[in-house]
Protein backbone atom coordinates (compact mmCIF):
# COMPACT_ATOMS: atom_id res chain seq x y z
CA UNK A 1 23.64 37.49 99.79
CA UNK A 2 22.93 39.97 97.14
CA UNK A 3 19.29 41.31 96.92
CA UNK A 4 19.24 40.22 93.29
CA UNK A 5 19.13 36.72 94.54
CA UNK A 6 15.95 37.08 96.47
CA UNK A 7 13.99 36.72 93.14
CA UNK A 8 12.69 33.11 92.75
CA UNK A 9 14.95 31.15 90.49
CA UNK A 10 13.51 28.27 88.40
CA UNK A 11 16.57 26.74 86.68
CA UNK A 12 18.92 23.98 87.46
CA UNK A 13 22.55 24.63 86.41
CA UNK A 14 24.49 22.22 84.48
CA UNK A 15 28.04 21.38 85.83
CA UNK A 16 30.51 21.03 83.02
CA UNK A 17 33.30 19.16 84.86
CA UNK A 18 34.87 16.86 82.34
CA UNK A 19 32.10 17.57 79.82
CA UNK A 20 32.18 19.23 76.35
CA UNK A 21 30.81 22.91 76.29
CA UNK A 22 26.99 23.16 76.30
CA UNK A 23 25.90 26.12 74.38
CA UNK A 24 22.27 25.35 73.70
CA UNK A 25 21.43 25.12 77.39
CA UNK A 26 22.21 28.70 78.12
CA UNK A 27 20.52 30.02 74.75
CA UNK A 28 17.32 27.95 75.52
CA UNK A 29 17.18 29.11 79.12
CA UNK A 30 17.72 32.76 78.53
CA UNK A 31 15.15 32.77 75.72
CA UNK A 32 12.47 31.05 77.85
CA UNK A 33 9.26 32.87 78.69
CA UNK A 34 10.37 33.38 82.38
CA UNK A 35 12.88 36.01 81.33
CA UNK A 36 10.36 38.16 79.24
CA UNK A 37 12.96 39.00 76.60
CA UNK A 38 15.54 40.17 79.17
CA UNK A 39 14.06 43.77 79.02
CA UNK A 40 12.30 46.01 81.47
CA UNK A 41 8.78 44.58 81.64
CA UNK A 42 8.18 42.20 84.54
CA UNK A 43 11.68 42.56 85.69
CA UNK A 44 13.26 40.48 82.67
CA UNK A 45 16.54 42.31 83.03
CA UNK A 46 16.73 41.53 86.71
CA UNK A 47 15.70 37.88 86.43
CA UNK A 48 18.47 37.48 83.80
CA UNK A 49 21.01 39.21 86.17
CA UNK A 50 20.01 36.83 88.92
CA UNK A 51 20.51 33.80 86.61
CA UNK A 52 23.97 34.94 85.85
CA UNK A 53 24.84 35.60 89.44
CA UNK A 54 23.87 31.99 90.15
CA UNK A 55 25.88 30.66 87.36
CA UNK A 56 29.03 32.72 88.32
CA UNK A 57 28.73 31.27 91.90
CA UNK A 58 28.39 27.62 90.54
CA UNK A 59 31.42 28.12 88.03
CA UNK A 60 33.37 29.57 91.18
CA UNK A 61 34.20 32.93 89.55
CA UNK A 62 35.46 35.43 92.13
CA UNK A 63 33.41 38.77 92.39
CA UNK A 64 35.53 41.93 91.89
CA UNK A 65 36.10 43.70 95.29
CA UNK A 66 32.94 43.95 97.40
CA UNK A 67 30.55 44.01 94.34
CA UNK A 68 29.23 40.34 94.85
CA UNK A 69 29.19 40.17 91.04
CA UNK A 70 26.80 43.19 90.62
CA UNK A 71 27.54 46.61 89.47
CA UNK A 72 24.27 48.70 89.61
CA UNK A 73 23.55 51.80 87.70
CA UNK A 74 20.43 53.69 86.60
CA UNK A 75 18.71 54.38 83.12
CA UNK A 76 15.60 55.90 81.87
CA UNK A 77 13.54 53.57 79.68
CA UNK A 78 10.22 53.66 77.81
CA UNK A 79 8.27 50.41 78.13
CA UNK A 80 4.96 48.86 76.86
CA UNK A 81 3.82 46.34 79.46
CA UNK A 82 0.22 46.29 78.36
CA UNK A 83 -1.77 44.73 75.33
CA UNK A 84 -1.53 46.73 72.14
CA UNK A 85 -4.53 46.75 69.76
CA UNK A 86 -4.68 48.08 66.23
CA UNK A 87 -7.44 47.90 63.80
CA UNK A 88 -7.69 49.36 60.31
CA UNK A 89 -11.26 49.71 59.07
CA UNK A 90 -12.15 47.04 61.55
CA UNK A 91 -9.37 44.59 60.47
CA UNK A 92 -7.05 43.70 63.41
CA UNK A 93 -3.33 43.84 62.74
CA UNK A 94 -0.88 41.49 64.44
CA UNK A 95 1.78 43.20 66.59
CA UNK A 96 5.35 42.11 65.94
CA UNK A 97 4.37 40.78 62.43
CA UNK A 98 2.05 43.50 60.85
CA UNK A 99 3.36 46.37 62.85
CA UNK A 100 5.92 47.55 65.37
CA UNK A 101 5.31 50.60 67.83
CA UNK A 102 8.27 52.99 67.70
CA UNK A 103 9.89 52.57 71.06
CA UNK A 104 9.75 56.27 71.81
CA UNK A 105 6.08 56.47 71.32
CA UNK A 106 3.62 57.67 73.89
CA UNK A 107 0.04 56.49 74.74
CA UNK A 108 -2.79 56.71 72.22
CA UNK A 109 -6.35 55.61 72.54
CA UNK A 110 -9.37 55.89 70.31
CA UNK A 111 -10.70 56.15 66.66
CA UNK A 112 -8.91 58.35 64.18
CA UNK A 113 -9.26 59.41 60.57
CA UNK A 114 -6.32 58.74 58.22
CA UNK A 115 -4.72 61.56 56.35
CA UNK A 116 -2.33 60.39 53.56
CA UNK A 117 0.36 62.60 52.84
CA UNK A 118 3.50 62.99 50.64
CA UNK A 119 6.22 65.44 49.80
CA UNK A 120 3.78 67.74 47.98
CA UNK A 121 1.00 68.26 50.49
CA UNK A 122 2.47 67.72 53.97
CA UNK A 123 3.07 71.45 54.71
CA UNK A 124 -0.54 72.03 54.44
CA UNK A 125 -1.28 69.83 57.38
CA UNK A 126 0.49 72.19 59.73
CA UNK A 127 -1.98 74.86 59.06
CA UNK A 128 -4.98 72.64 59.60
CA UNK A 129 -5.49 73.02 63.25
CA UNK A 130 -8.98 71.35 62.99
CA UNK A 131 -7.14 68.03 62.26
CA UNK A 132 -5.37 67.88 65.51
CA UNK A 133 -6.29 65.11 68.07
CA UNK A 134 -8.52 63.28 65.57
CA UNK A 135 -6.29 62.31 62.72
CA UNK A 136 -3.37 60.01 62.00
CA UNK A 137 -0.99 61.04 59.24
CA UNK A 138 -0.13 58.12 56.98
CA UNK A 139 3.33 58.24 55.02
CA UNK A 140 3.77 55.35 52.52
CA UNK A 141 7.42 54.78 51.56
CA UNK A 142 7.05 51.16 50.65
CA UNK A 143 7.57 51.53 46.93
CA UNK A 144 10.35 54.16 47.14
CA UNK A 145 13.83 52.93 46.56
CA UNK A 146 15.82 56.23 46.07
CA UNK A 147 17.81 56.97 49.32
CA UNK A 148 17.52 60.71 48.89
CA UNK A 149 13.78 60.61 48.57
CA UNK A 150 13.54 58.25 51.68
CA UNK A 151 15.80 60.73 53.50
CA UNK A 152 13.34 63.54 52.62
CA UNK A 153 10.47 61.44 53.90
CA UNK A 154 12.19 60.88 57.08
CA UNK A 155 12.67 64.73 57.59
CA UNK A 156 8.90 65.23 57.04
CA UNK A 157 8.24 62.41 59.53
CA UNK A 158 10.48 64.08 62.14
CA UNK A 159 8.60 67.36 61.56
CA UNK A 160 4.90 65.88 61.54
CA UNK A 161 5.66 63.59 64.58
CA UNK A 162 5.49 66.84 66.72
CA UNK A 163 1.96 67.58 65.61
CA UNK A 164 0.38 64.09 64.74
CA UNK A 165 0.51 60.37 65.38
CA UNK A 166 2.27 58.87 62.35
CA UNK A 167 1.77 55.66 60.27
CA UNK A 168 5.02 54.80 58.66
CA UNK A 169 4.24 52.28 55.98
CA UNK A 170 7.29 50.37 54.69
CA UNK A 171 8.19 47.27 52.76
CA UNK A 172 11.37 46.97 54.88
CA UNK A 173 11.70 44.40 57.66
CA UNK A 174 10.24 45.59 60.92
CA UNK A 175 12.54 45.87 63.76
CA UNK A 176 12.32 47.11 67.31
CA UNK A 177 14.66 48.75 69.94
CA UNK A 178 14.72 50.32 73.22
CA UNK A 179 14.25 54.19 73.92
CA UNK A 180 15.13 56.40 76.78
CA UNK A 181 12.69 59.23 76.13
CA UNK A 182 9.12 59.68 75.01
CA UNK A 183 8.06 61.56 71.94
CA UNK A 184 5.05 63.95 71.79
CA UNK A 185 3.07 61.64 69.45
CA UNK A 186 3.37 57.96 68.59
CA UNK A 187 4.75 56.45 65.44
CA UNK A 188 3.50 53.10 64.15
CA UNK A 189 5.67 51.25 61.72
CA UNK A 190 3.48 49.13 59.44
CA UNK A 191 4.37 46.27 57.06
CA UNK A 192 2.85 47.25 53.55
CA UNK A 193 1.74 43.57 52.99
CA UNK A 194 -0.70 43.95 56.06
CA UNK A 195 -2.68 46.91 54.49
CA UNK A 196 -5.67 47.59 52.42
CA UNK A 197 -4.85 50.25 50.11
CA UNK A 198 -7.88 52.36 50.78
CA UNK A 199 -8.15 52.01 54.69
CA UNK A 200 -9.71 55.28 56.13
CA UNK A 201 -10.15 54.70 59.85
CA UNK A 202 -7.88 53.53 62.72
CA UNK A 203 -8.85 52.15 66.05
CA UNK A 204 -5.89 51.94 68.45
CA UNK A 205 -5.26 51.14 71.96
CA UNK A 206 -1.72 51.69 73.19
CA UNK A 207 -0.28 52.38 76.55
CA UNK A 208 3.21 53.04 77.54
CA UNK A 209 5.05 53.28 80.96
CA UNK A 210 8.03 55.50 81.13
CA UNK A 211 10.47 54.71 84.00
CA UNK A 212 12.95 57.26 85.34
CA UNK A 213 16.11 56.13 87.06
CA UNK A 214 15.40 52.36 86.77
CA UNK A 215 18.01 50.19 88.66
CA UNK A 216 19.76 47.78 86.29
CA UNK A 217 23.13 46.15 86.47
CA UNK A 218 26.27 44.59 85.00
CA UNK A 219 27.22 41.20 86.20
CA UNK A 220 30.97 40.74 86.62
CA UNK A 221 33.23 37.82 87.89
CA UNK A 222 36.91 36.77 87.58
CA UNK A 223 39.00 33.67 87.10
CA UNK A 224 42.12 34.42 88.88
CA UNK A 225 45.38 34.17 86.96
CA UNK A 226 48.99 34.17 87.83
CA UNK A 227 49.67 37.77 87.28
CA UNK A 228 48.19 41.18 87.91
CA UNK A 229 47.19 42.08 84.41
CA UNK A 230 43.81 41.10 82.98
CA UNK A 231 41.96 40.01 79.88
CA UNK A 232 38.31 40.88 79.71
CA UNK A 233 35.69 38.70 77.88
CA UNK A 234 32.43 40.60 77.60
CA UNK A 235 28.86 40.19 76.26
CA UNK A 236 25.71 42.06 76.92
CA UNK A 237 22.76 39.85 78.31
CA UNK A 238 19.96 42.32 77.95
CA UNK A 239 17.64 42.34 75.00
CA UNK A 240 14.42 44.25 73.95
CA UNK A 241 11.93 42.69 76.43
CA UNK A 242 8.18 42.90 75.62
CA UNK A 243 6.12 45.10 73.33
CA UNK A 244 2.59 44.44 74.76
CA UNK A 245 2.11 40.73 74.33
CA UNK A 246 5.05 40.44 71.91
CA UNK A 247 8.18 38.77 73.28
CA UNK A 248 11.55 39.38 71.75
CA UNK A 249 13.66 36.33 72.71
CA UNK A 250 16.98 37.62 71.66
CA UNK A 251 18.56 34.14 70.91
CA UNK A 252 21.38 35.38 68.67
CA UNK A 253 21.35 38.75 70.10
CA UNK A 254 22.73 38.08 72.58
CA UNK A 255 21.89 34.86 74.40
CA UNK A 256 24.40 33.41 72.04
CA UNK A 257 27.24 35.61 73.23
CA UNK A 258 26.39 35.05 77.03
CA UNK A 259 26.56 31.27 76.30
CA UNK A 260 29.93 31.59 74.79
CA UNK A 261 31.10 33.69 77.74
CA UNK A 262 29.75 31.31 80.32
CA UNK A 263 31.38 28.24 78.65
CA UNK A 264 34.58 30.07 78.45
CA UNK A 265 34.22 30.99 82.01
CA UNK A 266 33.76 27.34 83.01
CA UNK A 267 37.00 26.52 81.01
CA UNK A 268 39.08 29.15 82.73
CA UNK A 269 37.74 28.57 86.23
CA UNK A 270 39.57 25.16 85.98
CA UNK A 271 42.91 26.45 84.70
CA UNK A 272 45.49 28.90 85.86
CA UNK A 273 45.88 31.39 83.24
CA UNK A 274 48.78 33.83 82.89
CA UNK A 275 46.38 36.70 83.14
CA UNK A 276 43.23 37.32 85.26
CA UNK A 277 40.27 36.43 83.05
CA UNK A 278 37.39 38.97 83.76
CA UNK A 279 33.98 38.09 82.53
CA UNK A 280 31.52 41.00 82.20
CA UNK A 281 27.98 40.52 81.23
CA UNK A 282 26.69 44.02 80.40
CA UNK A 283 23.23 45.47 81.07
CA UNK A 284 21.52 48.08 78.94
CA UNK A 285 23.46 47.45 75.82
CA UNK A 286 20.31 47.75 73.65
CA UNK A 287 19.45 51.01 75.45
CA UNK A 288 22.60 52.68 74.06
CA UNK A 289 25.66 50.80 75.32
CA UNK A 290 24.94 52.25 78.77
CA UNK A 291 26.27 49.46 80.82
CA UNK A 292 29.69 49.30 79.29
CA UNK A 293 29.84 53.26 79.36
CA UNK A 294 28.89 53.10 83.04
CA UNK A 295 31.75 50.42 83.86
CA UNK A 296 34.41 52.43 81.86
CA UNK A 297 33.49 55.70 83.83
CA UNK A 298 33.35 53.65 86.97
CA UNK A 299 35.82 50.84 86.56
CA UNK A 300 36.17 48.19 89.27
CA UNK A 301 39.71 47.42 87.84
CA UNK A 302 42.58 49.53 86.84
CA UNK A 303 41.83 49.76 82.98
CA UNK A 304 45.60 50.37 82.30
CA UNK A 305 46.22 46.79 83.54
CA UNK A 306 43.82 45.42 80.92
CA UNK A 307 45.78 43.58 78.27
CA UNK A 308 43.01 43.04 75.94
CA UNK A 309 39.15 42.92 75.64
CA UNK A 310 37.18 40.56 73.50
CA UNK A 311 33.47 41.40 73.09
CA UNK A 312 30.98 38.79 71.94
CA UNK A 313 27.83 39.76 70.33
CA UNK A 314 25.64 37.90 67.88
CA UNK A 315 27.77 34.48 67.60
CA UNK A 316 25.11 32.00 66.91
CA UNK A 317 25.66 31.40 63.29
CA UNK A 318 29.10 31.44 61.26
CA UNK A 319 28.39 29.74 57.99
CA UNK A 320 29.78 32.76 56.24
CA UNK A 321 32.56 33.39 58.66
CA UNK A 322 33.21 35.91 61.41
CA UNK A 323 33.68 39.62 61.46
CA UNK A 324 36.18 41.56 63.73
CA UNK A 325 35.22 45.19 64.45
CA UNK A 326 38.03 47.49 65.33
CA UNK A 327 40.39 45.02 63.63
CA UNK A 328 42.22 47.96 61.74
CA UNK A 329 43.22 49.49 65.03
CA UNK A 330 44.13 46.09 66.49
CA UNK A 331 45.89 44.81 63.45
CA UNK A 332 48.28 42.50 65.40
CA UNK A 333 45.31 40.80 67.11
CA UNK A 334 43.45 40.43 63.93
CA UNK A 335 46.43 38.82 62.17
CA UNK A 336 46.74 36.31 65.03
CA UNK A 337 43.23 35.43 64.87
CA UNK A 338 43.54 34.86 61.01
CA UNK A 339 46.52 32.72 61.63
CA UNK A 340 44.87 30.57 64.30
CA UNK A 341 41.71 30.31 62.08
CA UNK A 342 43.80 28.94 59.35
CA UNK A 343 45.40 26.30 61.59
CA UNK A 344 41.95 25.28 63.02
CA UNK A 345 40.22 25.51 59.70
CA UNK A 346 37.30 27.06 61.62
CA UNK A 347 35.86 29.71 59.39
CA UNK A 348 35.79 30.19 55.77
CA UNK A 349 36.16 34.05 56.03
CA UNK A 350 37.20 36.57 58.42
CA UNK A 351 35.88 40.04 57.69
CA UNK A 352 38.01 43.00 58.82
CA UNK A 353 36.10 46.07 59.99
CA UNK A 354 37.17 49.43 61.24
CA UNK A 355 35.95 50.93 64.62
CA UNK A 356 32.16 51.40 65.12
CA UNK A 357 30.08 52.25 68.25
CA UNK A 358 27.98 49.17 67.61
CA UNK A 359 28.57 47.11 70.69
CA UNK A 360 30.20 47.21 74.18
CA UNK A 361 33.82 47.07 73.14
CA UNK A 362 33.46 50.68 72.01
CA UNK A 363 33.72 52.56 75.40
CA UNK A 364 36.78 50.53 76.10
CA UNK A 365 38.52 51.51 73.02
CA UNK A 366 37.58 55.18 73.80
CA UNK A 367 39.61 54.65 77.09
CA UNK A 368 42.58 53.20 75.25
CA UNK A 369 41.91 49.64 76.06
CA UNK A 370 42.94 47.26 73.19
CA UNK A 371 39.58 46.05 72.22
CA UNK A 372 37.78 44.08 69.49
CA UNK A 373 34.09 42.91 68.88
CA UNK A 374 33.49 39.68 67.26
CA UNK A 375 30.33 38.51 65.50
CA UNK A 376 29.37 35.59 63.23
CA UNK A 377 28.00 35.91 59.79
CA UNK A 378 25.38 33.96 57.68
CA UNK A 379 22.50 31.76 58.73
CA UNK A 380 19.30 33.17 60.10
CA UNK A 381 18.16 36.72 59.25
CA UNK A 382 16.23 37.41 62.54
CA UNK A 383 17.36 40.67 64.23
CA UNK A 384 15.54 42.82 66.67
CA UNK A 385 12.18 40.91 66.02
CA UNK A 386 10.19 38.21 67.53
CA UNK A 387 11.68 35.59 65.48
CA UNK A 388 15.24 35.60 66.90
CA UNK A 389 14.36 32.30 68.71
CA UNK A 390 16.48 29.55 70.31
CA UNK A 391 14.89 26.91 68.38
CA UNK A 392 16.00 28.40 65.02
CA UNK A 393 19.38 29.44 65.99
CA UNK A 394 21.80 26.91 64.66
CA UNK A 395 24.80 27.29 66.95
CA UNK A 396 26.61 25.14 64.47
CA UNK A 397 30.01 27.08 64.51
CA UNK A 398 29.91 28.44 68.22
CA UNK A 399 32.25 25.63 69.36
CA UNK A 400 34.80 26.59 66.52
CA UNK A 401 34.62 30.15 67.91
CA UNK A 402 35.02 28.86 71.44
CA UNK A 403 38.27 26.87 70.42
CA UNK A 404 39.59 29.77 68.41
CA UNK A 405 39.29 32.26 71.32
CA UNK A 406 41.05 29.76 73.73
CA UNK A 407 43.98 29.64 71.36
CA UNK A 408 43.98 33.32 70.72
CA UNK A 409 43.95 34.14 74.52
CA UNK A 410 46.72 31.57 74.97
CA UNK A 411 48.80 33.55 72.54
CA UNK A 412 48.17 36.91 74.28
């Protein structure tokens, strides 16, 4: 028994024999509080991997070699497991709504004076050593629309962040991510609508916990086929985890992809395909595609025998169609998908995109494995924020994508 199965497991698996696919079950489960956003606070990533191992066993997928479904690797990650408090002139701001901590941020604690800066006066701050350790520099770009000006302000921010904590005030949507190093000073991204124009003092309590060489994992199983070659279906299971008390559920990104993968795994566990169908749930995608990079550098199969890879990431909508990344390189596959889509009348549009390092297909393509990444378009706009929840994710076109992929894999 894998050490990952020693964690307490609180969920009952649904068996799909003779049943239609059940997409909402997996999305609801993976977005529940137990998994802590599937990040690196309170073993969220490990709990998610444990869940997937149990599902793979129940589906009767085979592990690859002696891996027992798990391929372990290490990452560095900056985490925020403690409550975050931020007040401006005594007014408390709401984390996740009014502000986001830049994921590279270090700890900061105390009361600070606010120094408002712009492109004209920022250099003078570097010569004012008396300001150090008692001030936060405020940069307001909320009313700036010119891209070149925004770029200049970003350059200023990157210089000043080596000397001061930074308030970056914006009217853009606040988003979060995962960082693998810690900056010298913190950056706090603030929603302009949450501010009083004349705020002068900041009270902030922020603690981070940087973890070197954290053990995380990919979860890998196989539905054995008739031949020696393989098709890979992949999706990342990790998400952003927790920022203090704020949970990032990651329903569309990417509980939806994992749900589709597990339903496909159930389907292919019951039939004998021409190829082995390998299912890879990647870890640490949000940390920089690290799980897929590790796998392609340490493959558990001969990558030359992989006929095709289909990566699924953000597939919970679809009102506006689907997009295929790396479709220009995989033109034949894109045309096949387009033809099947017309026959099924599944999606009103297929967007053709070139290659981009924006999900786990990328490292396989680098290794010359034919690969595409599919995502759905339209619907909810929640992304990398606390509002990407299972209860608001429509999943209204995911069964269409399920049927399209089965037809496409049949043609391969």
